[in-house]
Amino acid sequence: MKKLFTLLFVLIIAVGFVSTPVFADAGKGQKIFIKLMKKPCGFNGGEMAKKHTQAEWEKINDAGKLNEEMLKQCPDAKPLNDRYVPHVYDFLYNYASDSGNVPAC
């Protein structure tokens, strides 16, 4: 019985560590925007995020058109890699025009 609980505990901890990178991170999205989009856009991520409300960013992301919208705002930029999109979306959503948050970029 003790071995079963030990094995169960280890599995729960392992799943927790494996699933953590799956979640999007606004801080990582900010770094990605600064590195890949700031120069071609000519403005910082805060200005990009303020172009829409949280509901609008959510609708754009749910439709799978985040890259299109970003390229519409920054025609000189390259499309984001699919693995970066969730992080950049989280950043844009957290700092949208109606969020009241101000990014440090």
PDB file of N, CA and C in Angstrom:
ATOM      1  N   MET A   1       0.827  -1.186   0.000  1.00  0.00           N
ATOM      2  CA  MET A   1       0.000   0.000   0.000  1.00  0.00           C
ATOM      3  C   MET A   1       0.876   1.257   0.000  1.00  0.00           C
ATOM      4  N   LYS A   2       1.972   1.196   0.780  1.00  0.00           N
ATOM      5  CA  LYS A   2       2.871   2.343   0.841  1.00  0.00           C
ATOM      6  C   LYS A   2       3.525   2.588  -0.522  1.00  0.00           C
ATOM      7  N   LYS A   3       3.891   1.518  -1.231  1.00  0.00           N
ATOM      8  CA  LYS A   3       4.494   1.648  -2.555  1.00  0.00           C
ATOM      9  C   LYS A   3       3.518   2.291  -3.546  1.00  0.00           C
ATOM     10  N   LEU A   4       2.244   1.930  -3.418  1.00  0.00           N
ATOM     11  CA  LEU A   4       1.234   2.491  -4.309  1.00  0.00           C
ATOM     12  C   LEU A   4       1.109   3.999  -4.105  1.00  0.00           C
ATOM     13  N   PHE A   5       1.059   4.450  -2.858  1.00  0.00           N
ATOM     14  CA  PHE A   5       0.965   5.879  -2.577  1.00  0.00           C
ATOM     15  C   PHE A   5       2.227   6.623  -3.013  1.00  0.00           C
ATOM     16  N   THR A   6       3.379   6.009  -2.829  1.00  0.00           N
ATOM     17  CA  THR A   6       4.635   6.619  -3.258  1.00  0.00           C
ATOM     18  C   THR A   6       4.654   6.771  -4.778  1.00  0.00           C
ATOM     19  N   LEU A   7       4.260   5.722  -5.473  1.00  0.00           N
ATOM     20  CA  LEU A   7       4.208   5.768  -6.934  1.00  0.00           C
ATOM     21  C   LEU A   7       3.210   6.819  -7.414  1.00  0.00           C
ATOM     22  N   LEU A   8       2.055   6.892  -6.784  1.00  0.00           N
ATOM     23  CA  LEU A   8       1.043   7.874  -7.133  1.00  0.00           C
ATOM     24  C   LEU A   8       1.555   9.299  -6.909  1.00  0.00           C
ATOM     25  N   PHE A   9       2.229   9.522  -5.813  1.00  0.00           N
ATOM     26  CA  PHE A   9       2.799  10.834  -5.497  1.00  0.00           C
ATOM     27  C   PHE A   9       3.841  11.236  -6.533  1.00  0.00           C
ATOM     28  N   VAL A  10       4.717  10.321  -6.876  1.00  0.00           N
ATOM     29  CA  VAL A  10       5.761  10.593  -7.870  1.00  0.00           C
ATOM     30  C   VAL A  10       5.128  10.910  -9.226  1.00  0.00           C
ATOM     31  N   LEU A  11       4.089  10.191  -9.615  1.00  0.00           N
ATOM     32  CA  LEU A  11       3.417  10.450 -10.884  1.00  0.00           C
ATOM     33  C   LEU A  11       2.756  11.828 -10.904  1.00  0.00           C
ATOM     34  N   ILE A  12       2.147  12.209  -9.797  1.00  0.00           N
ATOM     35  CA  ILE A  12       1.505  13.523  -9.723  1.00  0.00           C
ATOM     36  C   ILE A  12       2.543  14.630  -9.855  1.00  0.00           C
ATOM     37  N   ILE A  13       3.657  14.489  -9.168  1.00  0.00           N
ATOM     38  CA  ILE A  13       4.731  15.488  -9.254  1.00  0.00           C
ATOM     39  C   ILE A  13       5.300  15.537 -10.678  1.00  0.00           C
ATOM     40  N   ALA A  14       5.519  14.380 -11.293  1.00  0.00           N
ATOM     41  CA  ALA A  14       6.071  14.331 -12.653  1.00  0.00           C
ATOM     42  C   ALA A  14       5.137  15.002 -13.655  1.00  0.00           C
ATOM     43  N   VAL A  15       3.851  14.739 -13.550  1.00  0.00           N
ATOM     44  CA  VAL A  15       2.878  15.353 -14.458  1.00  0.00           C
ATOM     45  C   VAL A  15       2.866  16.864 -14.263  1.00  0.00           C
ATOM     46  N   GLY A  16       3.010  17.314 -13.032  1.00  0.00           N
ATOM     47  CA  GLY A  16       3.057  18.755 -12.752  1.00  0.00           C
ATOM     48  C   GLY A  16       4.236  19.418 -13.428  1.00  0.00           C
ATOM     49  N   PHE A  17       5.394  18.786 -13.396  1.00  0.00           N
ATOM     50  CA  PHE A  17       6.577  19.370 -14.037  1.00  0.00           C
ATOM     51  C   PHE A  17       6.488  19.323 -15.556  1.00  0.00           C
ATOM     52  N   VAL A  18       5.925  18.271 -16.097  1.00  0.00           N
ATOM     53  CA  VAL A  18       5.833  18.127 -17.538  1.00  0.00           C
ATOM     54  C   VAL A  18       4.808  19.093 -18.115  1.00  0.00           C
ATOM     55  N   SER A  19       3.702  19.311 -17.418  1.00  0.00           N
ATOM     56  CA  SER A  19       2.635  20.139 -17.971  1.00  0.00           C
ATOM     57  C   SER A  19       2.878  21.633 -17.789  1.00  0.00           C
ATOM     58  N   THR A  20       3.798  22.042 -16.948  1.00  0.00           N
ATOM     59  CA  THR A  20       4.039  23.464 -16.697  1.00  0.00           C
ATOM     60  C   THR A  20       4.425  24.233 -17.948  1.00  0.00           C
ATOM     61  N   PRO A  21       5.303  23.751 -18.832  1.00  0.00           N
ATOM     62  CA  PRO A  21       5.667  24.521 -20.017  1.00  0.00           C
ATOM     63  C   PRO A  21       4.528  24.689 -21.019  1.00  0.00           C
ATOM     64  N   VAL A  22       3.451  23.946 -20.870  1.00  0.00           N
ATOM     65  CA  VAL A  22       2.341  24.026 -21.796  1.00  0.00           C
ATOM     66  C   VAL A  22       1.600  25.352 -21.642  1.00  0.00           C
ATOM     67  N   PHE A  23       1.623  25.944 -20.462  1.00  0.00           N
ATOM     68  CA  PHE A  23       0.896  27.174 -20.210  1.00  0.00           C
ATOM     69  C   PHE A  23       1.633  28.365 -20.818  1.00  0.00           C
ATOM     70  N   ALA A  24       0.854  29.304 -21.323  1.00  0.00           N
ATOM     71  CA  ALA A  24       1.438  30.514 -21.910  1.00  0.00           C
ATOM     72  C   ALA A  24       1.915  31.447 -20.807  1.00  0.00           C
ATOM     73  N   ASP A  25       2.862  32.302 -21.157  1.00  0.00           N
ATOM     74  CA  ASP A  25       3.477  33.197 -20.187  1.00  0.00           C
ATOM     75  C   ASP A  25       3.585  34.594 -20.802  1.00  0.00           C
ATOM     76  N   ALA A  26       2.941  35.560 -20.148  1.00  0.00           N
ATOM     77  CA  ALA A  26       2.955  36.933 -20.655  1.00  0.00           C
ATOM     78  C   ALA A  26       4.366  37.508 -20.680  1.00  0.00           C
ATOM     79  N   GLY A  27       5.173  37.174 -19.691  1.00  0.00           N
ATOM     80  CA  GLY A  27       6.554  37.664 -19.659  1.00  0.00           C
ATOM     81  C   GLY A  27       7.360  37.146 -20.833  1.00  0.00           C
ATOM     82  N   LYS A  28       7.157  35.882 -21.154  1.00  0.00           N
ATOM     83  CA  LYS A  28       7.849  35.309 -22.303  1.00  0.00           C
ATOM     84  C   LYS A  28       7.343  35.941 -23.595  1.00  0.00           C
ATOM     85  N   GLY A  29       6.030  36.200 -23.660  1.00  0.00           N
ATOM     86  CA  GLY A  29       5.458  36.858 -24.829  1.00  0.00           C
ATOM     87  C   GLY A  29       6.027  38.250 -25.030  1.00  0.00           C
ATOM     88  N   GLN A  30       6.249  38.951 -23.924  1.00  0.00           N
ATOM     89  CA  GLN A  30       6.845  40.285 -23.996  1.00  0.00           C
ATOM     90  C   GLN A  30       8.258  40.209 -24.553  1.00  0.00           C
ATOM     91  N   LYS A  31       9.039  39.259 -24.077  1.00  0.00           N
ATOM     92  CA  LYS A  31      10.410  39.094 -24.566  1.00  0.00           C
ATOM     93  C   LYS A  31      10.426  38.737 -26.053  1.00  0.00           C
ATOM     94  N   ILE A  32       9.493  37.880 -26.456  1.00  0.00           N
ATOM     95  CA  ILE A  32       9.407  37.494 -27.871  1.00  0.00           C
ATOM     96  C   ILE A  32       9.065  38.712 -28.719  1.00  0.00           C
ATOM     97  N   PHE A  33       8.101  39.513 -28.253  1.00  0.00           N
ATOM     98  CA  PHE A  33       7.721  40.709 -29.010  1.00  0.00           C
ATOM     99  C   PHE A  33       8.916  41.651 -29.139  1.00  0.00           C
ATOM    100  N   ILE A  34       9.613  41.888 -28.034  1.00  0.00           N
ATOM    101  CA  ILE A  34      10.766  42.788 -28.071  1.00  0.00           C
ATOM    102  C   ILE A  34      11.824  42.282 -29.048  1.00  0.00           C
ATOM    103  N   LYS A  35      12.089  40.992 -29.000  1.00  0.00           N
ATOM    104  CA  LYS A  35      13.153  40.425 -29.825  1.00  0.00           C
ATOM    105  C   LYS A  35      12.786  40.376 -31.313  1.00  0.00           C
ATOM    106  N   LEU A  36      11.541  39.993 -31.622  1.00  0.00           N
ATOM    107  CA  LEU A  36      11.184  39.737 -33.012  1.00  0.00           C
ATOM    108  C   LEU A  36      10.335  40.820 -33.684  1.00  0.00           C
ATOM    109  N   MET A  37       9.598  41.586 -32.902  1.00  0.00           N
ATOM    110  CA  MET A  37       8.619  42.477 -33.518  1.00  0.00           C
ATOM    111  C   MET A  37       8.882  43.968 -33.295  1.00  0.00           C
ATOM    112  N   LYS A  38       9.569  44.320 -32.235  1.00  0.00           N
ATOM    113  CA  LYS A  38       9.704  45.731 -31.882  1.00  0.00           C
ATOM    114  C   LYS A  38      10.369  46.544 -32.993  1.00  0.00           C
ATOM    115  N   LYS A  39      11.475  46.072 -33.511  1.00  0.00           N
ATOM    116  CA  LYS A  39      12.196  46.828 -34.545  1.00  0.00           C
ATOM    117  C   LYS A  39      11.393  46.928 -35.842  1.00  0.00           C
ATOM    118  N   PRO A  40      10.857  45.808 -36.381  1.00  0.00           N
ATOM    119  CA  PRO A  40      10.088  45.938 -37.627  1.00  0.00           C
ATOM    120  C   PRO A  40       8.796  46.750 -37.462  1.00  0.00           C
ATOM    121  N   CYS A  41       8.213  46.713 -36.264  1.00  0.00           N
ATOM    122  CA  CYS A  41       6.970  47.460 -36.033  1.00  0.00           C
ATOM    123  C   CYS A  41       7.242  48.947 -35.841  1.00  0.00           C
ATOM    124  N   GLY A  42       8.342  49.256 -35.195  1.00  0.00           N
ATOM    125  CA  GLY A  42       8.649  50.649 -34.915  1.00  0.00           C
ATOM    126  C   GLY A  42       8.001  51.163 -33.645  1.00  0.00           C
ATOM    127  N   PHE A  43       7.391  50.261 -32.871  1.00  0.00           N
ATOM    128  CA  PHE A  43       6.816  50.629 -31.583  1.00  0.00           C
ATOM    129  C   PHE A  43       6.886  49.432 -30.650  1.00  0.00           C
ATOM    130  N   ASN A  44       6.666  49.694 -29.366  1.00  0.00           N
ATOM    131  CA  ASN A  44       6.827  48.621 -28.379  1.00  0.00           C
ATOM    132  C   ASN A  44       5.561  47.777 -28.234  1.00  0.00           C
ATOM    133  N   GLY A  45       5.672  46.740 -27.446  1.00  0.00           N
ATOM    134  CA  GLY A  45       4.571  45.808 -27.258  1.00  0.00           C
ATOM    135  C   GLY A  45       3.364  46.421 -26.577  1.00  0.00           C
ATOM    136  N   GLY A  46       3.601  47.387 -25.715  1.00  0.00           N
ATOM    137  CA  GLY A  46       2.492  48.054 -25.040  1.00  0.00           C
ATOM    138  C   GLY A  46       1.582  48.765 -26.034  1.00  0.00           C
ATOM    139  N   GLU A  47       2.192  49.392 -27.028  1.00  0.00           N
ATOM    140  CA  GLU A  47       1.401  50.071 -28.059  1.00  0.00           C
ATOM    141  C   GLU A  47       0.629  49.062 -28.894  1.00  0.00           C
ATOM    142  N   MET A  48       1.248  47.917 -29.180  1.00  0.00           N
ATOM    143  CA  MET A  48       0.554  46.863 -29.938  1.00  0.00           C
ATOM    144  C   MET A  48      -0.631  46.328 -29.132  1.00  0.00           C
ATOM    145  N   ALA A  49      -0.404  46.071 -27.856  1.00  0.00           N
ATOM    146  CA  ALA A  49      -1.465  45.505 -27.014  1.00  0.00           C
ATOM    147  C   ALA A  49      -2.645  46.464 -26.889  1.00  0.00           C
ATOM    148  N   LYS A  50      -2.373  47.755 -26.865  1.00  0.00           N
ATOM    149  CA  LYS A  50      -3.427  48.758 -26.690  1.00  0.00           C
ATOM    150  C   LYS A  50      -4.291  48.954 -27.937  1.00  0.00           C
ATOM    151  N   LYS A  51      -3.947  48.308 -29.025  1.00  0.00           N
ATOM    152  CA  LYS A  51      -4.725  48.464 -30.260  1.00  0.00           C
ATOM    153  C   LYS A  51      -6.077  47.750 -30.184  1.00  0.00           C
ATOM    154  N   HIS A  52      -6.233  46.841 -29.208  1.00  0.00           N
ATOM    155  CA  HIS A  52      -7.486  46.107 -29.055  1.00  0.00           C
ATOM    156  C   HIS A  52      -7.807  45.915 -27.576  1.00  0.00           C
ATOM    157  N   THR A  53      -9.068  45.624 -27.293  1.00  0.00           N
ATOM    158  CA  THR A  53      -9.480  45.271 -25.928  1.00  0.00           C
ATOM    159  C   THR A  53      -9.188  43.790 -25.702  1.00  0.00           C
ATOM    160  N   GLN A  54      -9.334  43.356 -24.465  1.00  0.00           N
ATOM    161  CA  GLN A  54      -9.111  41.938 -24.161  1.00  0.00           C
ATOM    162  C   GLN A  54     -10.072  41.053 -24.947  1.00  0.00           C
ATOM    163  N   ALA A  55     -11.330  41.465 -25.044  1.00  0.00           N
ATOM    164  CA  ALA A  55     -12.312  40.673 -25.794  1.00  0.00           C
ATOM    165  C   ALA A  55     -11.943  40.581 -27.272  1.00  0.00           C
ATOM    166  N   GLU A  56     -11.440  41.681 -27.832  1.00  0.00           N
ATOM    167  CA  GLU A  56     -11.038  41.669 -29.240  1.00  0.00           C
ATOM    168  C   GLU A  56      -9.828  40.767 -29.463  1.00  0.00           C
ATOM    169  N   TRP A  57      -8.826  40.837 -28.563  1.00  0.00           N
ATOM    170  CA  TRP A  57      -7.659  39.954 -28.688  1.00  0.00           C
ATOM    171  C   TRP A  57      -8.093  38.500 -28.555  1.00  0.00           C
ATOM    172  N   GLU A  58      -9.012  38.239 -27.639  1.00  0.00           N
ATOM    173  CA  GLU A  58      -9.484  36.863 -27.449  1.00  0.00           C
ATOM    174  C   GLU A  58     -10.187  36.356 -28.713  1.00  0.00           C
ATOM    175  N   LYS A  59     -11.019  37.194 -29.308  1.00  0.00           N
ATOM    176  CA  LYS A  59     -11.728  36.815 -30.536  1.00  0.00           C
ATOM    177  C   LYS A  59     -10.741  36.559 -31.678  1.00  0.00           C
ATOM    178  N   ILE A  60      -9.751  37.416 -31.810  1.00  0.00           N
ATOM    179  CA  ILE A  60      -8.722  37.250 -32.855  1.00  0.00           C
ATOM    180  C   ILE A  60      -7.964  35.951 -32.645  1.00  0.00           C
ATOM    181  N   ASN A  61      -7.562  35.686 -31.408  1.00  0.00           N
ATOM    182  CA  ASN A  61      -6.807  34.473 -31.110  1.00  0.00           C
ATOM    183  C   ASN A  61      -7.657  33.219 -31.326  1.00  0.00           C
ATOM    184  N   ASP A  62      -8.912  33.251 -30.871  1.00  0.00           N
ATOM    185  CA  ASP A  62      -9.791  32.088 -31.033  1.00  0.00           C
ATOM    186  C   ASP A  62     -10.043  31.767 -32.501  1.00  0.00           C
ATOM    187  N   ALA A  63     -10.029  32.793 -33.335  1.00  0.00           N
ATOM    188  CA  ALA A  63     -10.209  32.592 -34.779  1.00  0.00           C
ATOM    189  C   ALA A  63      -8.915  32.129 -35.454  1.00  0.00           C
ATOM    190  N   GLY A  64      -7.805  32.102 -34.692  1.00  0.00           N
ATOM    191  CA  GLY A  64      -6.521  31.674 -35.252  1.00  0.00           C
ATOM    192  C   GLY A  64      -5.882  32.723 -36.149  1.00  0.00           C
ATOM    193  N   LYS A  65      -6.201  33.982 -35.915  1.00  0.00           N
ATOM    194  CA  LYS A  65      -5.724  35.050 -36.790  1.00  0.00           C
ATOM    195  C   LYS A  65      -4.789  36.035 -36.096  1.00  0.00           C
ATOM    196  N   LEU A  66      -4.139  35.598 -35.027  1.00  0.00           N
ATOM    197  CA  LEU A  66      -3.244  36.501 -34.306  1.00  0.00           C
ATOM    198  C   LEU A  66      -2.077  36.945 -35.178  1.00  0.00           C
ATOM    199  N   ASN A  67      -1.470  36.007 -35.871  1.00  0.00           N
ATOM    200  CA  ASN A  67      -0.358  36.361 -36.762  1.00  0.00           C
ATOM    201  C   ASN A  67      -0.805  37.346 -37.840  1.00  0.00           C
ATOM    202  N   GLU A  68      -1.980  37.102 -38.419  1.00  0.00           N
ATOM    203  CA  GLU A  68      -2.496  38.007 -39.454  1.00  0.00           C
ATOM    204  C   GLU A  68      -2.684  39.418 -38.915  1.00  0.00           C
ATOM    205  N   GLU A  69      -3.268  39.510 -37.718  1.00  0.00           N
ATOM    206  CA  GLU A  69      -3.515  40.821 -37.119  1.00  0.00           C
ATOM    207  C   GLU A  69      -2.212  41.545 -36.821  1.00  0.00           C
ATOM    208  N   MET A  70      -1.229  40.804 -36.327  1.00  0.00           N
ATOM    209  CA  MET A  70       0.058  41.430 -36.019  1.00  0.00           C
ATOM    210  C   MET A  70       0.744  41.894 -37.300  1.00  0.00           C
ATOM    211  N   LEU A  71       0.629  41.121 -38.363  1.00  0.00           N
ATOM    212  CA  LEU A  71       1.235  41.516 -39.639  1.00  0.00           C
ATOM    213  C   LEU A  71       0.486  42.687 -40.268  1.00  0.00           C
ATOM    214  N   LYS A  72      -0.805  42.802 -39.985  1.00  0.00           N
ATOM    215  CA  LYS A  72      -1.575  43.952 -40.458  1.00  0.00           C
ATOM    216  C   LYS A  72      -1.063  45.231 -39.791  1.00  0.00           C
ATOM    217  N   GLN A  73      -0.709  45.135 -38.510  1.00  0.00           N
ATOM    218  CA  GLN A  73      -0.187  46.286 -37.768  1.00  0.00           C
ATOM    219  C   GLN A  73       1.288  46.539 -38.075  1.00  0.00           C
ATOM    220  N   CYS A  74       2.016  45.470 -38.392  1.00  0.00           N
ATOM    221  CA  CYS A  74       3.464  45.550 -38.665  1.00  0.00           C
ATOM    222  C   CYS A  74       3.777  44.821 -39.968  1.00  0.00           C
ATOM    223  N   PRO A  75       3.547  45.432 -41.101  1.00  0.00           N
ATOM    224  CA  PRO A  75       3.755  44.736 -42.374  1.00  0.00           C
ATOM    225  C   PRO A  75       5.208  44.328 -42.642  1.00  0.00           C
ATOM    226  N   ASP A  76       6.171  44.973 -41.997  1.00  0.00           N
ATOM    227  CA  ASP A  76       7.578  44.639 -42.227  1.00  0.00           C
ATOM    228  C   ASP A  76       8.050  43.453 -41.384  1.00  0.00           C
ATOM    229  N   ALA A  77       7.228  43.007 -40.435  1.00  0.00           N
ATOM    230  CA  ALA A  77       7.612  41.903 -39.551  1.00  0.00           C
ATOM    231  C   ALA A  77       7.371  40.555 -40.228  1.00  0.00           C
ATOM    232  N   LYS A  78       8.039  39.544 -39.717  1.00  0.00           N
ATOM    233  CA  LYS A  78       7.833  38.179 -40.191  1.00  0.00           C
ATOM    234  C   LYS A  78       6.783  37.518 -39.303  1.00  0.00           C
ATOM    235  N   PRO A  79       6.021  36.562 -39.830  1.00  0.00           N
ATOM    236  CA  PRO A  79       5.039  35.860 -38.994  1.00  0.00           C
ATOM    237  C   PRO A  79       5.728  35.138 -37.830  1.00  0.00           C
ATOM    238  N   LEU A  80       5.039  35.077 -36.725  1.00  0.00           N
ATOM    239  CA  LEU A  80       5.580  34.392 -35.549  1.00  0.00           C
ATOM    240  C   LEU A  80       5.515  32.887 -35.730  1.00  0.00           C
ATOM    241  N   ASN A  81       6.473  32.201 -35.154  1.00  0.00           N
ATOM    242  CA  ASN A  81       6.466  30.755 -35.091  1.00  0.00           C
ATOM    243  C   ASN A  81       5.241  30.327 -34.277  1.00  0.00           C
ATOM    244  N   ASP A  82       4.601  29.237 -34.652  1.00  0.00           N
ATOM    245  CA  ASP A  82       3.386  28.776 -33.960  1.00  0.00           C
ATOM    246  C   ASP A  82       3.586  28.552 -32.470  1.00  0.00           C
ATOM    247  N   ARG A  83       4.773  28.177 -32.066  1.00  0.00           N
ATOM    248  CA  ARG A  83       4.999  27.934 -30.635  1.00  0.00           C
ATOM    249  C   ARG A  83       5.105  29.232 -29.839  1.00  0.00           C
ATOM    250  N   TYR A  84       5.341  30.359 -30.514  1.00  0.00           N
ATOM    251  CA  TYR A  84       5.404  31.651 -29.832  1.00  0.00           C
ATOM    252  C   TYR A  84       4.038  32.321 -29.683  1.00  0.00           C
ATOM    253  N   VAL A  85       3.100  31.954 -30.539  1.00  0.00           N
ATOM    254  CA  VAL A  85       1.799  32.625 -30.581  1.00  0.00           C
ATOM    255  C   VAL A  85       1.073  32.613 -29.232  1.00  0.00           C
ATOM    256  N   PRO A  86       0.989  31.484 -28.504  1.00  0.00           N
ATOM    257  CA  PRO A  86       0.274  31.519 -27.221  1.00  0.00           C
ATOM    258  C   PRO A  86       0.884  32.491 -26.215  1.00  0.00           C
ATOM    259  N   HIS A  87       2.205  32.601 -26.208  1.00  0.00           N
ATOM    260  CA  HIS A  87       2.877  33.506 -25.270  1.00  0.00           C
ATOM    261  C   HIS A  87       2.622  34.966 -25.653  1.00  0.00           C
ATOM    262  N   VAL A  88       2.714  35.274 -26.938  1.00  0.00           N
ATOM    263  CA  VAL A  88       2.478  36.646 -27.385  1.00  0.00           C
ATOM    264  C   VAL A  88       1.014  37.015 -27.169  1.00  0.00           C
ATOM    265  N   TYR A  89       0.107  36.066 -27.424  1.00  0.00           N
ATOM    266  CA  TYR A  89      -1.313  36.328 -27.157  1.00  0.00           C
ATOM    267  C   TYR A  89      -1.525  36.641 -25.682  1.00  0.00           C
ATOM    268  N   ASP A  90      -0.924  35.861 -24.810  1.00  0.00           N
ATOM    269  CA  ASP A  90      -1.076  36.091 -23.370  1.00  0.00           C
ATOM    270  C   ASP A  90      -0.572  37.482 -23.001  1.00  0.00           C
ATOM    271  N   PHE A  91       0.534  37.892 -23.591  1.00  0.00           N
ATOM    272  CA  PHE A  91       1.070  39.233 -23.361  1.00  0.00           C
ATOM    273  C   PHE A  91       0.091  40.300 -23.847  1.00  0.00           C
ATOM    274  N   LEU A  92      -0.381  40.159 -25.084  1.00  0.00           N
ATOM    275  CA  LEU A  92      -1.291  41.156 -25.656  1.00  0.00           C
ATOM    276  C   LEU A  92      -2.600  41.226 -24.862  1.00  0.00           C
ATOM    277  N   TYR A  93      -3.102  40.076 -24.445  1.00  0.00           N
ATOM    278  CA  TYR A  93      -4.344  40.030 -23.669  1.00  0.00           C
ATOM    279  C   TYR A  93      -4.162  40.715 -22.311  1.00  0.00           C
ATOM    280  N   ASN A  94      -3.053  40.433 -21.649  1.00  0.00           N
ATOM    281  CA  ASN A  94      -2.811  41.000 -20.315  1.00  0.00           C
ATOM    282  C   ASN A  94      -2.599  42.506 -20.336  1.00  0.00           C
ATOM    283  N   TYR A  95      -2.150  43.049 -21.460  1.00  0.00           N
ATOM    284  CA  TYR A  95      -1.865  44.482 -21.543  1.00  0.00           C
ATOM    285  C   TYR A  95      -2.768  45.192 -22.557  1.00  0.00           C
ATOM    286  N   ALA A  96      -3.931  44.628 -22.834  1.00  0.00           N
ATOM    287  CA  ALA A  96      -4.883  45.222 -23.777  1.00  0.00           C
ATOM    288  C   ALA A  96      -5.360  46.582 -23.277  1.00  0.00           C
ATOM    289  N   SER A  97      -6.030  47.317 -24.158  1.00  0.00           N
ATOM    290  CA  SER A  97      -6.429  48.688 -23.846  1.00  0.00           C
ATOM    291  C   SER A  97      -7.350  48.797 -22.632  1.00  0.00           C
ATOM    292  N   ASP A  98      -8.119  47.753 -22.351  1.00  0.00           N
ATOM    293  CA  ASP A  98      -9.042  47.819 -21.214  1.00  0.00           C
ATOM    294  C   ASP A  98      -8.542  47.068 -19.979  1.00  0.00           C
ATOM    295  N   SER A  99      -7.280  46.652 -19.993  1.00  0.00           N
ATOM    296  CA  SER A  99      -6.757  45.857 -18.883  1.00  0.00           C
ATOM    297  C   SER A  99      -6.311  46.698 -17.692  1.00  0.00           C
ATOM    298  N   GLY A 100      -5.856  47.905 -17.955  1.00  0.00           N
ATOM    299  CA  GLY A 100      -5.315  48.748 -16.878  1.00  0.00           C
ATOM    300  C   GLY A 100      -3.880  48.430 -16.542  1.00  0.00           C
ATOM    301  N   ASN A 101      -3.278  47.460 -17.229  1.00  0.00           N
ATOM    302  CA  ASN A 101      -1.878  47.088 -16.994  1.00  0.00           C
ATOM    303  C   ASN A 101      -0.977  47.803 -17.989  1.00  0.00           C
ATOM    304  N   VAL A 102       0.235  48.104 -17.546  1.00  0.00           N
ATOM    305  CA  VAL A 102       1.222  48.766 -18.412  1.00  0.00           C
ATOM    306  C   VAL A 102       2.488  47.916 -18.425  1.00  0.00           C
ATOM    307  N   PRO A 103       2.900  47.436 -19.613  1.00  0.00           N
ATOM    308  CA  PRO A 103       4.109  46.613 -19.679  1.00  0.00           C
ATOM    309  C   PRO A 103       5.374  47.456 -19.512  1.00  0.00           C
ATOM    310  N   ALA A 104       6.446  46.789 -19.166  1.00  0.00           N
ATOM    311  CA  ALA A 104       7.718  47.476 -18.965  1.00  0.00           C
ATOM    312  C   ALA A 104       8.622  47.276 -20.185  1.00  0.00           C
ATOM    313  N   CYS A 105       8.104  47.554 -21.385  1.00  0.00           N
ATOM    314  CA  CYS A 105       8.974  47.430 -22.573  1.00  0.00           C
ATOM    315  C   CYS A 105       8.923  48.666 -23.388  1.00  0.00           C
TER     316      CYS A 105
END
